[in-house]
Amino acid sequence: MLNLLLAVLFSTAILVAFKLFPRLGIRVMPAITINYVVAVTFGILQADGEPNLSSFVGKAWLPLALIVGLTFIITFYLYAASTQRVGVALTSVAARMSVVIPVLLGLWLFRDPLPVLKLAGLLLALVAVYLTFKKEGHIVLTASAVLFPLLLFLGNGTNDSLMKVVEHYYIRDDFEEFLTVVFFVALLTGILASLVKRERGQGVFHSRDLLAGLILGLLNWYSTYFFMSGMAFFDISVYVPLVSVSVVSLSALLGMFLFRERLSVVNLAGIGLALVSITLIASA
């Protein structure tokens, strides 16, 4: 349970950090790249012994680590692109509705049980996520409004599912080594993207980007570490919805208190439903 709570807290802190970046003039892409430098460093420091290339090559989980590393940073960029094109509300709904994918994986691959209380909690969780981020007005459905949230939905759900597959079938006593490879692949991808996207006549990184990346890296490492650690103690069809709905509720409340974001009656009802869904899923 402690791993679950820490995963929720660090994941929510990442959202708060992204909210602050534009206000502080911090560029997202360089900060994300530096964040992976910090995460890789933490992985090396926490791994047993000194990791070397030959030890990684012999790991059965290496192909999946390469895939997860790519999907990690691609999903980060999709979140930013979707937010710019369709707004925070629809982007957040798409990202959190992706719990459907690992839930289906748990029911199909791991034969997770589906009692009535869990099913009711899962359905309420989806409704709660939608209501919590629902804004007034209508959304105009353009190609971007469909494509980017859909890609984010698939990417987020794939990440969570692959992490559970690795934890269940491959990880023994090399958990930190796996995460180190994941973050290293994301780091290389981020460096290449930063070099391609840098502005003419400017360096790739600014001092404020470096500091932001350092903080983001600490949050990212521990949110991923505790998220994956907690998977060993819960069915994935229970764990991922619990984390997602908790992050949605907590981030919405922090948005209201820290950033004076207005929550409508519908949004508050969504948070209330989220608490009910968490209770049902946890008690199933």
C-alpha atoms as a PDB file:
ATOM      1  CA  MET A   1       0.000   0.000   0.000  1.00  0.00           C
ATOM      2  CA  LEU A   2       2.892   2.369   0.740  1.00  0.00           C
ATOM      3  CA  ASN A   3       4.259   1.887  -2.789  1.00  0.00           C
ATOM      4  CA  LEU A   4       0.846   2.765  -4.218  1.00  0.00           C
ATOM      5  CA  LEU A   5       0.566   5.947  -2.136  1.00  0.00           C
ATOM      6  CA  LEU A   6       4.094   7.060  -3.060  1.00  0.00           C
ATOM      7  CA  ALA A   7       3.450   6.340  -6.753  1.00  0.00           C
ATOM      8  CA  VAL A   8       0.355   8.560  -6.599  1.00  0.00           C
ATOM      9  CA  LEU A   9       2.184  11.384  -4.799  1.00  0.00           C
ATOM     10  CA  PHE A  10       5.190  11.447  -7.149  1.00  0.00           C
ATOM     11  CA  SER A  11       3.015  11.097 -10.270  1.00  0.00           C
ATOM     12  CA  THR A  12       0.876  14.024  -9.134  1.00  0.00           C
ATOM     13  CA  ALA A  13       4.010  16.059  -8.397  1.00  0.00           C
ATOM     14  CA  ILE A  14       5.093  15.571 -12.037  1.00  0.00           C
ATOM     15  CA  LEU A  15       1.806  17.086 -13.226  1.00  0.00           C
ATOM     16  CA  VAL A  16       2.295  20.054 -10.879  1.00  0.00           C
ATOM     17  CA  ALA A  17       5.834  20.515 -12.254  1.00  0.00           C
ATOM     18  CA  PHE A  18       4.565  20.565 -15.848  1.00  0.00           C
ATOM     19  CA  LYS A  19       1.953  23.112 -14.818  1.00  0.00           C
ATOM     20  CA  LEU A  20       4.695  25.384 -13.450  1.00  0.00           C
ATOM     21  CA  PHE A  21       7.066  25.078 -16.427  1.00  0.00           C
ATOM     22  CA  PRO A  22       5.361  27.658 -18.718  1.00  0.00           C
ATOM     23  CA  ARG A  23       5.076  30.151 -15.865  1.00  0.00           C
ATOM     24  CA  LEU A  24       8.799  29.871 -15.148  1.00  0.00           C
ATOM     25  CA  GLY A  25       9.884  30.023 -18.796  1.00  0.00           C
ATOM     26  CA  ILE A  26      11.145  26.436 -18.808  1.00  0.00           C
ATOM     27  CA  ARG A  27      11.283  24.579 -22.131  1.00  0.00           C
ATOM     28  CA  VAL A  28       9.687  21.149 -21.935  1.00  0.00           C
ATOM     29  CA  MET A  29      11.908  19.153 -24.312  1.00  0.00           C
ATOM     30  CA  PRO A  30      15.313  20.029 -22.754  1.00  0.00           C
ATOM     31  CA  ALA A  31      13.882  19.559 -19.247  1.00  0.00           C
ATOM     32  CA  ILE A  32      12.566  16.112 -20.197  1.00  0.00           C
ATOM     33  CA  THR A  33      15.962  15.171 -21.629  1.00  0.00           C
ATOM     34  CA  ILE A  34      17.833  16.240 -18.483  1.00  0.00           C
ATOM     35  CA  ASN A  35      15.252  14.413 -16.398  1.00  0.00           C
ATOM     36  CA  TYR A  36      16.333  11.151 -18.023  1.00  0.00           C
ATOM     37  CA  VAL A  37      20.004  11.889 -17.274  1.00  0.00           C
ATOM     38  CA  VAL A  38      19.064  12.148 -13.603  1.00  0.00           C
ATOM     39  CA  ALA A  39      16.910   9.006 -13.778  1.00  0.00           C
ATOM     40  CA  VAL A  40      19.718   6.981 -15.397  1.00  0.00           C
ATOM     41  CA  THR A  41      22.165   8.218 -12.744  1.00  0.00           C
ATOM     42  CA  PHE A  42      19.795   7.159  -9.983  1.00  0.00           C
ATOM     43  CA  GLY A  43      19.398   3.755 -11.609  1.00  0.00           C
ATOM     44  CA  ILE A  44      23.163   3.213 -11.721  1.00  0.00           C
ATOM     45  CA  LEU A  45      23.563   4.307  -8.099  1.00  0.00           C
ATOM     46  CA  GLN A  46      20.784   2.059  -6.842  1.00  0.00           C
ATOM     47  CA  ALA A  47      21.645  -1.022  -8.917  1.00  0.00           C
ATOM     48  CA  ASP A  48      23.535  -3.803  -7.164  1.00  0.00           C
ATOM     49  CA  GLY A  49      27.160  -3.711  -8.264  1.00  0.00           C
ATOM     50  CA  GLU A  50      28.409  -1.737 -11.237  1.00  0.00           C
ATOM     51  CA  PRO A  51      26.159  -2.202 -14.286  1.00  0.00           C
ATOM     52  CA  ASN A  52      27.947  -2.947 -17.549  1.00  0.00           C
ATOM     53  CA  LEU A  53      26.865  -3.406 -21.133  1.00  0.00           C
ATOM     54  CA  SER A  54      27.518  -7.144 -21.208  1.00  0.00           C
ATOM     55  CA  SER A  55      25.236  -7.757 -18.223  1.00  0.00           C
ATOM     56  CA  PHE A  56      22.390  -5.875 -19.916  1.00  0.00           C
ATOM     57  CA  VAL A  57      22.807  -7.717 -23.237  1.00  0.00           C
ATOM     58  CA  GLY A  58      22.209 -11.065 -21.534  1.00  0.00           C
ATOM     59  CA  LYS A  59      18.923 -10.028 -19.926  1.00  0.00           C
ATOM     60  CA  ALA A  60      15.705 -11.602 -21.199  1.00  0.00           C
ATOM     61  CA  TRP A  61      13.871  -8.326 -20.621  1.00  0.00           C
ATOM     62  CA  LEU A  62      16.205  -6.228 -22.812  1.00  0.00           C
ATOM     63  CA  PRO A  63      13.952  -6.072 -25.926  1.00  0.00           C
ATOM     64  CA  LEU A  64      11.010  -4.964 -23.800  1.00  0.00           C
ATOM     65  CA  ALA A  65      13.200  -2.399 -22.013  1.00  0.00           C
ATOM     66  CA  LEU A  66      14.110  -0.867 -25.383  1.00  0.00           C
ATOM     67  CA  ILE A  67      10.436  -0.673 -26.375  1.00  0.00           C
ATOM     68  CA  VAL A  68       9.348   0.774 -23.022  1.00  0.00           C
ATOM     69  CA  GLY A  69      12.133   3.377 -23.187  1.00  0.00           C
ATOM     70  CA  LEU A  70      10.867   4.585 -26.555  1.00  0.00           C
ATOM     71  CA  THR A  71       7.205   4.594 -25.535  1.00  0.00           C
ATOM     72  CA  PHE A  72       8.081   6.456 -22.328  1.00  0.00           C
ATOM     73  CA  ILE A  73       9.426   9.537 -24.048  1.00  0.00           C
ATOM     74  CA  ILE A  74       7.030   9.340 -27.003  1.00  0.00           C
ATOM     75  CA  THR A  75       4.133   9.390 -24.551  1.00  0.00           C
ATOM     76  CA  PHE A  76       5.675  12.408 -22.791  1.00  0.00           C
ATOM     77  CA  TYR A  77       5.796  14.305 -26.078  1.00  0.00           C
ATOM     78  CA  LEU A  78       2.300  13.149 -27.077  1.00  0.00           C
ATOM     79  CA  TYR A  79       1.003  14.553 -23.797  1.00  0.00           C
ATOM     80  CA  ALA A  80       2.549  17.936 -24.601  1.00  0.00           C
ATOM     81  CA  ALA A  81       1.352  17.886 -28.242  1.00  0.00           C
ATOM     82  CA  SER A  82      -2.179  16.871 -27.288  1.00  0.00           C
ATOM     83  CA  THR A  83      -2.366  19.551 -24.602  1.00  0.00           C
ATOM     84  CA  GLN A  84      -1.366  22.240 -27.117  1.00  0.00           C
ATOM     85  CA  ARG A  85      -3.860  21.081 -29.748  1.00  0.00           C
ATOM     86  CA  VAL A  86      -6.955  19.960 -27.850  1.00  0.00           C
ATOM     87  CA  GLY A  87      -6.463  21.302 -24.320  1.00  0.00           C
ATOM     88  CA  VAL A  88      -5.705  19.921 -20.889  1.00  0.00           C
ATOM     89  CA  ALA A  89      -9.168  18.489 -20.175  1.00  0.00           C
ATOM     90  CA  LEU A  90      -9.479  16.156 -23.174  1.00  0.00           C
ATOM     91  CA  THR A  91      -5.795  15.210 -22.925  1.00  0.00           C
ATOM     92  CA  SER A  92      -6.126  14.253 -19.261  1.00  0.00           C
ATOM     93  CA  VAL A  93      -9.246  12.204 -19.938  1.00  0.00           C
ATOM     94  CA  ALA A  94      -7.505  10.321 -22.766  1.00  0.00           C
ATOM     95  CA  ALA A  95      -4.419   9.636 -20.642  1.00  0.00           C
ATOM     96  CA  ARG A  96      -6.389   8.341 -17.650  1.00  0.00           C
ATOM     97  CA  MET A  97      -9.024   6.430 -19.663  1.00  0.00           C
ATOM     98  CA  SER A  98      -6.103   4.315 -20.889  1.00  0.00           C
ATOM     99  CA  VAL A  99      -6.590   2.205 -17.743  1.00  0.00           C
ATOM    100  CA  VAL A 100      -8.924   0.178 -19.956  1.00  0.00           C
ATOM    101  CA  ILE A 101      -5.930  -1.403 -21.718  1.00  0.00           C
ATOM    102  CA  PRO A 102      -4.085  -2.820 -18.656  1.00  0.00           C
ATOM    103  CA  VAL A 103      -7.405  -3.846 -17.106  1.00  0.00           C
ATOM    104  CA  LEU A 104      -8.279  -5.904 -20.182  1.00  0.00           C
ATOM    105  CA  LEU A 105      -4.740  -7.324 -20.161  1.00  0.00           C
ATOM    106  CA  GLY A 106      -5.136  -8.375 -16.536  1.00  0.00           C
ATOM    107  CA  LEU A 107      -8.468 -10.062 -17.195  1.00  0.00           C
ATOM    108  CA  TRP A 108      -7.199 -11.856 -20.316  1.00  0.00           C
ATOM    109  CA  LEU A 109      -3.537 -12.679 -19.655  1.00  0.00           C
ATOM    110  CA  PHE A 110      -3.340 -12.878 -15.867  1.00  0.00           C
ATOM    111  CA  ARG A 111      -6.887 -14.138 -15.292  1.00  0.00           C
ATOM    112  CA  ASP A 112      -7.610 -11.450 -12.720  1.00  0.00           C
ATOM    113  CA  PRO A 113     -10.952 -12.063 -10.950  1.00  0.00           C
ATOM    114  CA  LEU A 114     -13.838  -9.705 -11.757  1.00  0.00           C
ATOM    115  CA  PRO A 115     -16.344  -9.657  -8.889  1.00  0.00           C
ATOM    116  CA  VAL A 116     -19.350  -7.355  -9.054  1.00  0.00           C
ATOM    117  CA  LEU A 117     -17.810  -4.751  -6.725  1.00  0.00           C
ATOM    118  CA  LYS A 118     -14.651  -4.489  -8.836  1.00  0.00           C
ATOM    119  CA  LEU A 119     -16.640  -4.176 -12.063  1.00  0.00           C
ATOM    120  CA  ALA A 120     -18.825  -1.458 -10.538  1.00  0.00           C
ATOM    121  CA  GLY A 121     -15.730   0.343  -9.262  1.00  0.00           C
ATOM    122  CA  LEU A 122     -14.010   0.197 -12.667  1.00  0.00           C
ATOM    123  CA  LEU A 123     -17.062   1.587 -14.466  1.00  0.00           C
ATOM    124  CA  LEU A 124     -17.444   4.335 -11.862  1.00  0.00           C
ATOM    125  CA  ALA A 125     -13.727   5.147 -12.218  1.00  0.00           C
ATOM    126  CA  LEU A 126     -14.119   5.825 -15.950  1.00  0.00           C
ATOM    127  CA  VAL A 127     -17.141   8.043 -15.313  1.00  0.00           C
ATOM    128  CA  ALA A 128     -15.276   9.819 -12.503  1.00  0.00           C
ATOM    129  CA  VAL A 129     -12.270  10.600 -14.713  1.00  0.00           C
ATOM    130  CA  TYR A 130     -14.535  12.086 -17.385  1.00  0.00           C
ATOM    131  CA  LEU A 131     -16.559  14.193 -14.942  1.00  0.00           C
ATOM    132  CA  THR A 132     -13.493  15.438 -13.050  1.00  0.00           C
ATOM    133  CA  PHE A 133     -11.991  17.004 -16.181  1.00  0.00           C
ATOM    134  CA  LYS A 134     -15.226  17.940 -17.976  1.00  0.00           C
ATOM    135  CA  LYS A 135     -15.282  21.602 -18.937  1.00  0.00           C
ATOM    136  CA  GLU A 136     -18.118  23.805 -20.059  1.00  0.00           C
ATOM    137  CA  GLY A 137     -18.709  24.199 -23.780  1.00  0.00           C
ATOM    138  CA  HIS A 138     -18.447  21.844 -26.702  1.00  0.00           C
ATOM    139  CA  ILE A 139     -15.382  20.215 -28.243  1.00  0.00           C
ATOM    140  CA  VAL A 140     -15.004  20.610 -32.003  1.00  0.00           C
ATOM    141  CA  LEU A 141     -13.948  17.259 -33.406  1.00  0.00           C
ATOM    142  CA  THR A 142     -11.098  17.864 -35.835  1.00  0.00           C
ATOM    143  CA  ALA A 143      -8.466  15.381 -36.989  1.00  0.00           C
ATOM    144  CA  SER A 144      -6.094  16.585 -34.249  1.00  0.00           C
ATOM    145  CA  ALA A 145      -8.820  16.386 -31.607  1.00  0.00           C
ATOM    146  CA  VAL A 146      -9.189  12.689 -32.396  1.00  0.00           C
ATOM    147  CA  LEU A 147      -5.664  11.633 -33.387  1.00  0.00           C
ATOM    148  CA  PHE A 148      -3.517  12.984 -30.531  1.00  0.00           C
ATOM    149  CA  PRO A 149      -5.767  11.884 -27.637  1.00  0.00           C
ATOM    150  CA  LEU A 150      -6.129   8.476 -29.322  1.00  0.00           C
ATOM    151  CA  LEU A 151      -2.347   8.063 -29.642  1.00  0.00           C
ATOM    152  CA  LEU A 152      -1.901   9.152 -26.023  1.00  0.00           C
ATOM    153  CA  PHE A 153      -4.583   6.668 -24.932  1.00  0.00           C
ATOM    154  CA  LEU A 154      -2.782   3.826 -26.728  1.00  0.00           C
ATOM    155  CA  GLY A 155       0.701   4.907 -25.590  1.00  0.00           C
ATOM    156  CA  ASN A 156      -0.187   5.297 -21.922  1.00  0.00           C
ATOM    157  CA  GLY A 157      -2.077   2.022 -21.813  1.00  0.00           C
ATOM    158  CA  THR A 158       0.750   0.198 -23.592  1.00  0.00           C
ATOM    159  CA  ASN A 159       3.319   1.557 -21.107  1.00  0.00           C
ATOM    160  CA  ASP A 160       1.387   0.341 -18.078  1.00  0.00           C
ATOM    161  CA  SER A 161       0.735  -3.056 -19.666  1.00  0.00           C
ATOM    162  CA  LEU A 162       4.351  -3.665 -20.693  1.00  0.00           C
ATOM    163  CA  MET A 163       5.579  -2.723 -17.226  1.00  0.00           C
ATOM    164  CA  LYS A 164       3.299  -5.372 -15.694  1.00  0.00           C
ATOM    165  CA  VAL A 165       4.400  -8.017 -18.214  1.00  0.00           C
ATOM    166  CA  VAL A 166       8.066  -7.354 -17.396  1.00  0.00           C
ATOM    167  CA  GLU A 167       7.421  -7.322 -13.637  1.00  0.00           C
ATOM    168  CA  HIS A 168       5.445 -10.585 -13.796  1.00  0.00           C
ATOM    169  CA  TYR A 169       7.545 -12.658 -16.193  1.00  0.00           C
ATOM    170  CA  TYR A 170      11.100 -11.282 -16.253  1.00  0.00           C
ATOM    171  CA  ILE A 171      12.120  -9.241 -13.205  1.00  0.00           C
ATOM    172  CA  ARG A 172      13.883 -11.163 -10.441  1.00  0.00           C
ATOM    173  CA  ASP A 173      16.576  -9.211  -8.578  1.00  0.00           C
ATOM    174  CA  ASP A 174      17.433  -6.795 -11.409  1.00  0.00           C
ATOM    175  CA  PHE A 175      14.590  -4.301 -11.081  1.00  0.00           C
ATOM    176  CA  GLU A 176      16.835  -1.207 -10.965  1.00  0.00           C
ATOM    177  CA  GLU A 177      18.849  -2.424 -13.968  1.00  0.00           C
ATOM    178  CA  PHE A 178      15.679  -2.693 -16.052  1.00  0.00           C
ATOM    179  CA  LEU A 179      14.608   0.850 -15.196  1.00  0.00           C
ATOM    180  CA  THR A 180      18.129   2.127 -15.899  1.00  0.00           C
ATOM    181  CA  VAL A 181      18.008   0.741 -19.454  1.00  0.00           C
ATOM    182  CA  VAL A 182      14.493   2.136 -19.956  1.00  0.00           C
ATOM    183  CA  PHE A 183      15.537   5.633 -18.923  1.00  0.00           C
ATOM    184  CA  PHE A 184      18.796   5.412 -20.911  1.00  0.00           C
ATOM    185  CA  VAL A 185      16.891   4.643 -24.132  1.00  0.00           C
ATOM    186  CA  ALA A 186      14.540   7.539 -23.386  1.00  0.00           C
ATOM    187  CA  LEU A 187      17.577   9.757 -22.735  1.00  0.00           C
ATOM    188  CA  LEU A 188      19.195   8.989 -26.099  1.00  0.00           C
ATOM    189  CA  THR A 189      15.902   9.622 -27.869  1.00  0.00           C
ATOM    190  CA  GLY A 190      15.465  12.914 -26.022  1.00  0.00           C
ATOM    191  CA  ILE A 191      18.994  14.102 -26.873  1.00  0.00           C
ATOM    192  CA  LEU A 192      18.417  13.425 -30.567  1.00  0.00           C
ATOM    193  CA  ALA A 193      15.066  15.238 -30.439  1.00  0.00           C
ATOM    194  CA  SER A 194      16.611  18.232 -28.620  1.00  0.00           C
ATOM    195  CA  LEU A 195      19.381  18.495 -31.207  1.00  0.00           C
ATOM    196  CA  VAL A 196      16.861  18.438 -34.036  1.00  0.00           C
ATOM    197  CA  LYS A 197      14.489  20.950 -32.408  1.00  0.00           C
ATOM    198  CA  ARG A 198      16.988  23.454 -30.987  1.00  0.00           C
ATOM    199  CA  GLU A 199      16.659  27.029 -32.123  1.00  0.00           C
ATOM    200  CA  ARG A 200      19.257  28.525 -34.419  1.00  0.00           C
ATOM    201  CA  GLY A 201      22.044  30.317 -32.520  1.00  0.00           C
ATOM    202  CA  GLN A 202      21.059  28.928 -29.130  1.00  0.00           C
ATOM    203  CA  GLY A 203      22.480  26.175 -26.985  1.00  0.00           C
ATOM    204  CA  VAL A 204      20.489  23.028 -26.444  1.00  0.00           C
ATOM    205  CA  PHE A 205      20.027  23.667 -22.705  1.00  0.00           C
ATOM    206  CA  HIS A 206      19.541  26.725 -20.488  1.00  0.00           C
ATOM    207  CA  SER A 207      20.350  26.846 -16.762  1.00  0.00           C
ATOM    208  CA  ARG A 208      16.686  26.904 -15.763  1.00  0.00           C
ATOM    209  CA  ASP A 209      16.040  23.900 -18.014  1.00  0.00           C
ATOM    210  CA  LEU A 210      18.832  22.018 -16.238  1.00  0.00           C
ATOM    211  CA  LEU A 211      17.413  22.732 -12.779  1.00  0.00           C
ATOM    212  CA  ALA A 212      13.896  21.822 -13.889  1.00  0.00           C
ATOM    213  CA  GLY A 213      15.208  18.615 -15.450  1.00  0.00           C
ATOM    214  CA  LEU A 214      16.981  17.706 -12.216  1.00  0.00           C
ATOM    215  CA  ILE A 215      13.782  18.058 -10.187  1.00  0.00           C
ATOM    216  CA  LEU A 216      11.694  16.305 -12.840  1.00  0.00           C
ATOM    217  CA  GLY A 217      14.210  13.449 -12.968  1.00  0.00           C
ATOM    218  CA  LEU A 218      13.918  12.831  -9.221  1.00  0.00           C
ATOM    219  CA  LEU A 219      10.130  12.824  -9.454  1.00  0.00           C
ATOM    220  CA  ASN A 220      10.122  10.622 -12.555  1.00  0.00           C
ATOM    221  CA  TRP A 221      12.511   8.013 -11.145  1.00  0.00           C
ATOM    222  CA  TYR A 222      10.609   7.604  -7.891  1.00  0.00           C
ATOM    223  CA  SER A 223       7.145   7.701  -9.472  1.00  0.00           C
ATOM    224  CA  THR A 224       8.176   4.923 -11.877  1.00  0.00           C
ATOM    225  CA  TYR A 225      10.060   3.008  -9.193  1.00  0.00           C
ATOM    226  CA  PHE A 226       7.155   2.960  -6.746  1.00  0.00           C
ATOM    227  CA  PHE A 227       4.589   2.395  -9.505  1.00  0.00           C
ATOM    228  CA  MET A 228       6.386  -0.718 -10.711  1.00  0.00           C
ATOM    229  CA  SER A 229       7.216  -1.898  -7.180  1.00  0.00           C
ATOM    230  CA  GLY A 230       3.546  -1.785  -6.226  1.00  0.00           C
ATOM    231  CA  MET A 231       2.547  -3.998  -9.145  1.00  0.00           C
ATOM    232  CA  ALA A 232       3.899  -7.051  -7.336  1.00  0.00           C
ATOM    233  CA  PHE A 233       1.240  -6.715  -4.605  1.00  0.00           C
ATOM    234  CA  PHE A 234      -1.918  -6.051  -6.664  1.00  0.00           C
ATOM    235  CA  ASP A 235      -3.739  -7.393  -9.702  1.00  0.00           C
ATOM    236  CA  ILE A 236      -3.069  -5.007 -12.574  1.00  0.00           C
ATOM    237  CA  SER A 237      -6.832  -4.618 -13.136  1.00  0.00           C
ATOM    238  CA  VAL A 238      -7.004  -3.189  -9.602  1.00  0.00           C
ATOM    239  CA  TYR A 239      -3.674  -1.396  -9.286  1.00  0.00           C
ATOM    240  CA  VAL A 240      -3.632   0.804 -12.393  1.00  0.00           C
ATOM    241  CA  PRO A 241      -7.199   2.119 -11.899  1.00  0.00           C
ATOM    242  CA  LEU A 242      -6.453   2.870  -8.237  1.00  0.00           C
ATOM    243  CA  VAL A 243      -3.349   4.873  -9.172  1.00  0.00           C
ATOM    244  CA  SER A 244      -5.006   6.651 -12.096  1.00  0.00           C
ATOM    245  CA  VAL A 245      -8.179   7.702 -10.302  1.00  0.00           C
ATOM    246  CA  SER A 246      -6.185   8.812  -7.253  1.00  0.00           C
ATOM    247  CA  VAL A 247      -3.864  10.947  -9.408  1.00  0.00           C
ATOM    248  CA  VAL A 248      -6.846  12.478 -11.214  1.00  0.00           C
ATOM    249  CA  SER A 249      -8.597  13.415  -7.968  1.00  0.00           C
ATOM    250  CA  LEU A 250      -5.492  14.720  -6.210  1.00  0.00           C
ATOM    251  CA  SER A 251      -4.279  16.736  -9.222  1.00  0.00           C
ATOM    252  CA  ALA A 252      -7.723  18.306  -9.657  1.00  0.00           C
ATOM    253  CA  LEU A 253      -7.813  19.352  -6.004  1.00  0.00           C
ATOM    254  CA  LEU A 254      -4.255  20.713  -6.137  1.00  0.00           C
ATOM    255  CA  GLY A 255      -5.158  22.628  -9.284  1.00  0.00           C
ATOM    256  CA  MET A 256      -8.005  24.271  -7.396  1.00  0.00           C
ATOM    257  CA  PHE A 257      -5.999  25.155  -4.272  1.00  0.00           C
ATOM    258  CA  LEU A 258      -2.567  25.930  -5.766  1.00  0.00           C
ATOM    259  CA  PHE A 259      -3.450  27.404  -9.162  1.00  0.00           C
ATOM    260  CA  ARG A 260      -6.968  28.687  -8.454  1.00  0.00           C
ATOM    261  CA  GLU A 261      -8.453  26.509 -11.160  1.00  0.00           C
ATOM    262  CA  ARG A 262     -12.227  26.585 -11.043  1.00  0.00           C
ATOM    263  CA  LEU A 263     -13.980  23.284 -10.384  1.00  0.00           C
ATOM    264  CA  SER A 264     -17.632  23.058 -11.357  1.00  0.00           C
ATOM    265  CA  VAL A 265     -20.282  21.053  -9.529  1.00  0.00           C
ATOM    266  CA  VAL A 266     -19.796  18.348 -12.155  1.00  0.00           C
ATOM    267  CA  ASN A 267     -16.035  18.261 -11.496  1.00  0.00           C
ATOM    268  CA  LEU A 268     -16.588  17.955  -7.746  1.00  0.00           C
ATOM    269  CA  ALA A 269     -19.112  15.190  -8.371  1.00  0.00           C
ATOM    270  CA  GLY A 270     -16.435  13.422 -10.409  1.00  0.00           C
ATOM    271  CA  ILE A 271     -13.992  13.600  -7.491  1.00  0.00           C
ATOM    272  CA  GLY A 272     -16.680  12.217  -5.186  1.00  0.00           C
ATOM    273  CA  LEU A 273     -17.346   9.345  -7.583  1.00  0.00           C
ATOM    274  CA  ALA A 274     -13.600   8.715  -7.774  1.00  0.00           C
ATOM    275  CA  LEU A 275     -13.476   8.205  -4.012  1.00  0.00           C
ATOM    276  CA  VAL A 276     -16.406   5.789  -4.221  1.00  0.00           C
ATOM    277  CA  SER A 277     -14.760   3.873  -7.091  1.00  0.00           C
ATOM    278  CA  ILE A 278     -11.486   3.593  -5.161  1.00  0.00           C
ATOM    279  CA  THR A 279     -13.374   2.178  -2.186  1.00  0.00           C
ATOM    280  CA  LEU A 280     -15.181  -0.380  -4.343  1.00  0.00           C
ATOM    281  CA  ILE A 281     -12.071  -1.506  -6.227  1.00  0.00           C
ATOM    282  CA  ALA A 282      -9.973  -1.755  -3.073  1.00  0.00           C
ATOM    283  CA  SER A 283     -12.620  -3.761  -1.225  1.00  0.00           C
ATOM    284  CA  ALA A 284     -13.279  -6.200  -4.078  1.00  0.00           C
END
